[in-house]
Amino acid sequence: MGNCISHDPTQFLPDPRHSELFSADNPYVFRVFKKSRNKFVPGLLKVADGEILFSRAVNDCQSYPLQFLRRYGYTYAGMFFFESGRRCPSGEGYHTFQSHQAERIFQVGSRINHFDQKRIIYSV
């Protein structure tokens, strides 16, 4: 018998751009769980210049430009969240990420992107 391949073999090859963006050595990349409907989806969150990136897989990366985000914040219960406006590529909505590093994610974002002080919300 010959080899049988049912999937596109290129989808399993790592994308070098993804490896650069979401390297484990990068101090701006965090393991998070995104709350989506009634479940938590694992992924990587990167705080970059001018945007927040969330990646679930090599081919699935969502971008949230800071200029289209309305509010930011974190809770001591380990939740980092923000509200996106209608001009954001993902559309209008409230995005919640669970991580034991929620406060650190917020601090990195504040340092890199200089989060607008009017938009900051601290929750307990």
C-alpha atoms as a PDB file:
ATOM      1  CA  MET A   1       0.000   0.000   0.000  1.00  0.00           C
ATOM      2  CA  GLY A   2       1.094   3.564  -0.598  1.00  0.00           C
ATOM      3  CA  ASN A   3       0.991   6.528   1.745  1.00  0.00           C
ATOM      4  CA  CYS A   4      -2.372   8.147   2.303  1.00  0.00           C
ATOM      5  CA  ILE A   5      -2.514  11.825   3.178  1.00  0.00           C
ATOM      6  CA  SER A   6      -5.920  13.286   3.922  1.00  0.00           C
ATOM      7  CA  HIS A   7      -4.816  16.782   4.962  1.00  0.00           C
ATOM      8  CA  ASP A   8      -2.819  19.521   3.320  1.00  0.00           C
ATOM      9  CA  PRO A   9       0.749  18.717   4.478  1.00  0.00           C
ATOM     10  CA  THR A  10       1.764  22.398   4.399  1.00  0.00           C
ATOM     11  CA  GLN A  11      -0.668  23.308   7.198  1.00  0.00           C
ATOM     12  CA  PHE A  12       1.482  21.404   9.695  1.00  0.00           C
ATOM     13  CA  LEU A  13       4.711  23.184   8.760  1.00  0.00           C
ATOM     14  CA  PRO A  14       5.556  25.967  11.217  1.00  0.00           C
ATOM     15  CA  ASP A  15       5.305  29.495   9.877  1.00  0.00           C
ATOM     16  CA  PRO A  16       8.580  31.318  10.643  1.00  0.00           C
ATOM     17  CA  ARG A  17       6.745  34.642  11.108  1.00  0.00           C
ATOM     18  CA  HIS A  18       4.533  33.080  13.785  1.00  0.00           C
ATOM     19  CA  SER A  19       7.608  31.726  15.580  1.00  0.00           C
ATOM     20  CA  GLU A  20       9.167  35.191  15.651  1.00  0.00           C
ATOM     21  CA  LEU A  21       6.012  36.928  16.860  1.00  0.00           C
ATOM     22  CA  PHE A  22       5.089  34.420  19.549  1.00  0.00           C
ATOM     23  CA  SER A  23       8.475  33.182  20.749  1.00  0.00           C
ATOM     24  CA  ALA A  24       8.487  31.757  24.283  1.00  0.00           C
ATOM     25  CA  ASP A  25      11.573  33.889  25.020  1.00  0.00           C
ATOM     26  CA  ASN A  26       9.681  37.100  24.261  1.00  0.00           C
ATOM     27  CA  PRO A  27       8.758  38.892  27.533  1.00  0.00           C
ATOM     28  CA  TYR A  28       5.697  40.426  25.831  1.00  0.00           C
ATOM     29  CA  VAL A  29       4.045  37.068  25.047  1.00  0.00           C
ATOM     30  CA  PHE A  30       1.733  35.447  27.609  1.00  0.00           C
ATOM     31  CA  ARG A  31      -0.172  32.159  27.798  1.00  0.00           C
ATOM     32  CA  VAL A  32      -3.846  32.960  28.263  1.00  0.00           C
ATOM     33  CA  PHE A  33      -7.317  31.488  27.981  1.00  0.00           C
ATOM     34  CA  LYS A  34      -9.762  33.625  26.012  1.00  0.00           C
ATOM     35  CA  LYS A  35     -13.313  33.474  27.264  1.00  0.00           C
ATOM     36  CA  SER A  36     -15.437  32.730  24.217  1.00  0.00           C
ATOM     37  CA  ARG A  37     -19.120  32.168  24.883  1.00  0.00           C
ATOM     38  CA  ASN A  38     -19.224  29.512  27.617  1.00  0.00           C
ATOM     39  CA  LYS A  39     -15.735  28.086  27.208  1.00  0.00           C
ATOM     40  CA  PHE A  40     -12.108  29.109  27.579  1.00  0.00           C
ATOM     41  CA  VAL A  41      -9.908  28.827  24.477  1.00  0.00           C
ATOM     42  CA  PRO A  42      -6.127  28.461  25.067  1.00  0.00           C
ATOM     43  CA  GLY A  43      -3.758  30.700  23.147  1.00  0.00           C
ATOM     44  CA  LEU A  44      -0.955  33.250  23.238  1.00  0.00           C
ATOM     45  CA  LEU A  45      -1.433  36.971  23.824  1.00  0.00           C
ATOM     46  CA  LYS A  46       1.222  39.418  22.659  1.00  0.00           C
ATOM     47  CA  VAL A  47       1.329  43.077  23.612  1.00  0.00           C
ATOM     48  CA  ALA A  48       3.034  44.850  20.710  1.00  0.00           C
ATOM     49  CA  ASP A  49       3.535  48.452  19.613  1.00  0.00           C
ATOM     50  CA  GLY A  50       0.110  49.827  18.833  1.00  0.00           C
ATOM     51  CA  GLU A  51      -1.813  46.553  19.058  1.00  0.00           C
ATOM     52  CA  ILE A  52      -2.679  43.463  21.038  1.00  0.00           C
ATOM     53  CA  LEU A  53      -2.394  40.122  19.210  1.00  0.00           C
ATOM     54  CA  PHE A  54      -4.094  36.849  20.155  1.00  0.00           C
ATOM     55  CA  SER A  55      -3.087  33.596  18.482  1.00  0.00           C
ATOM     56  CA  ARG A  56      -4.808  30.230  18.908  1.00  0.00           C
ATOM     57  CA  ALA A  57      -2.823  28.483  16.166  1.00  0.00           C
ATOM     58  CA  VAL A  58      -0.266  29.229  13.469  1.00  0.00           C
ATOM     59  CA  ASN A  59      -2.941  30.262  10.961  1.00  0.00           C
ATOM     60  CA  ASP A  60      -5.284  31.974  13.427  1.00  0.00           C
ATOM     61  CA  CYS A  61      -4.152  35.367  14.721  1.00  0.00           C
ATOM     62  CA  GLN A  62      -6.466  38.194  15.774  1.00  0.00           C
ATOM     63  CA  SER A  63      -5.299  41.793  15.938  1.00  0.00           C
ATOM     64  CA  TYR A  64      -6.771  44.466  18.190  1.00  0.00           C
ATOM     65  CA  PRO A  65      -5.290  47.908  17.330  1.00  0.00           C
ATOM     66  CA  LEU A  66      -5.121  50.114  20.431  1.00  0.00           C
ATOM     67  CA  GLN A  67      -6.605  53.082  18.620  1.00  0.00           C
ATOM     68  CA  PHE A  68      -9.908  51.183  18.332  1.00  0.00           C
ATOM     69  CA  LEU A  69     -10.046  49.933  21.932  1.00  0.00           C
ATOM     70  CA  ARG A  70     -12.255  51.791  24.374  1.00  0.00           C
ATOM     71  CA  ARG A  71     -11.303  50.496  27.826  1.00  0.00           C
ATOM     72  CA  TYR A  72      -8.619  48.285  29.381  1.00  0.00           C
ATOM     73  CA  GLY A  73      -8.258  46.650  32.746  1.00  0.00           C
ATOM     74  CA  TYR A  74      -7.477  43.646  34.881  1.00  0.00           C
ATOM     75  CA  THR A  75      -8.832  41.982  37.983  1.00  0.00           C
ATOM     76  CA  TYR A  76      -6.966  40.467  40.885  1.00  0.00           C
ATOM     77  CA  ALA A  77      -8.807  37.229  40.052  1.00  0.00           C
ATOM     78  CA  GLY A  78      -6.518  36.879  37.017  1.00  0.00           C
ATOM     79  CA  MET A  79      -8.590  38.425  34.221  1.00  0.00           C
ATOM     80  CA  PHE A  80      -7.246  40.889  31.645  1.00  0.00           C
ATOM     81  CA  PHE A  81      -9.957  42.544  29.565  1.00  0.00           C
ATOM     82  CA  PHE A  82     -10.647  45.256  27.047  1.00  0.00           C
ATOM     83  CA  GLU A  83     -13.555  46.611  25.053  1.00  0.00           C
ATOM     84  CA  SER A  84     -13.164  47.038  21.287  1.00  0.00           C
ATOM     85  CA  GLY A  85     -15.018  49.599  19.213  1.00  0.00           C
ATOM     86  CA  ARG A  86     -16.875  49.062  15.966  1.00  0.00           C
ATOM     87  CA  ARG A  87     -13.865  50.026  13.831  1.00  0.00           C
ATOM     88  CA  CYS A  88     -11.734  47.222  15.313  1.00  0.00           C
ATOM     89  CA  PRO A  89     -11.152  44.302  12.845  1.00  0.00           C
ATOM     90  CA  SER A  90     -12.918  41.938  15.261  1.00  0.00           C
ATOM     91  CA  GLY A  91     -15.857  44.312  15.587  1.00  0.00           C
ATOM     92  CA  GLU A  92     -17.453  45.744  18.676  1.00  0.00           C
ATOM     93  CA  GLY A  93     -17.211  43.619  21.792  1.00  0.00           C
ATOM     94  CA  TYR A  94     -15.854  42.859  25.230  1.00  0.00           C
ATOM     95  CA  HIS A  95     -12.788  40.561  25.262  1.00  0.00           C
ATOM     96  CA  THR A  96     -11.737  38.675  28.388  1.00  0.00           C
ATOM     97  CA  PHE A  97      -8.511  36.714  28.890  1.00  0.00           C
ATOM     98  CA  GLN A  98      -7.746  34.582  31.931  1.00  0.00           C
ATOM     99  CA  SER A  99      -4.117  34.399  33.037  1.00  0.00           C
ATOM    100  CA  HIS A 100      -2.218  34.278  36.299  1.00  0.00           C
ATOM    101  CA  GLN A 101      -0.170  37.133  34.774  1.00  0.00           C
ATOM    102  CA  ALA A 102      -3.104  39.515  34.143  1.00  0.00           C
ATOM    103  CA  GLU A 103      -1.529  42.353  36.103  1.00  0.00           C
ATOM    104  CA  ARG A 104       1.812  41.824  34.317  1.00  0.00           C
ATOM    105  CA  ILE A 105       0.080  41.921  30.906  1.00  0.00           C
ATOM    106  CA  PHE A 106      -1.468  45.236  31.871  1.00  0.00           C
ATOM    107  CA  GLN A 107       1.845  46.630  33.153  1.00  0.00           C
ATOM    108  CA  VAL A 108       3.661  45.632  29.941  1.00  0.00           C
ATOM    109  CA  GLY A 109       0.917  47.228  27.869  1.00  0.00           C
ATOM    110  CA  SER A 110       1.100  50.397  29.923  1.00  0.00           C
ATOM    111  CA  ARG A 111       4.858  50.613  29.483  1.00  0.00           C
ATOM    112  CA  ILE A 112       5.009  49.764  25.764  1.00  0.00           C
ATOM    113  CA  ASN A 113       1.850  51.383  24.475  1.00  0.00           C
ATOM    114  CA  HIS A 114       1.257  54.061  27.090  1.00  0.00           C
ATOM    115  CA  PHE A 115      -2.380  53.044  27.581  1.00  0.00           C
ATOM    116  CA  ASP A 116      -4.529  56.150  27.676  1.00  0.00           C
ATOM    117  CA  GLN A 117      -5.027  56.959  31.370  1.00  0.00           C
ATOM    118  CA  LYS A 118      -8.688  57.893  30.767  1.00  0.00           C
ATOM    119  CA  ARG A 119      -9.464  54.372  29.555  1.00  0.00           C
ATOM    120  CA  ILE A 120      -7.890  52.426  32.394  1.00  0.00           C
ATOM    121  CA  ILE A 121     -10.146  50.460  34.689  1.00  0.00           C
ATOM    122  CA  TYR A 122      -8.906  48.589  37.731  1.00  0.00           C
ATOM    123  CA  SER A 123     -11.239  45.960  39.105  1.00  0.00           C
ATOM    124  CA  VAL A 124     -10.988  43.960  42.290  1.00  0.00           C
END
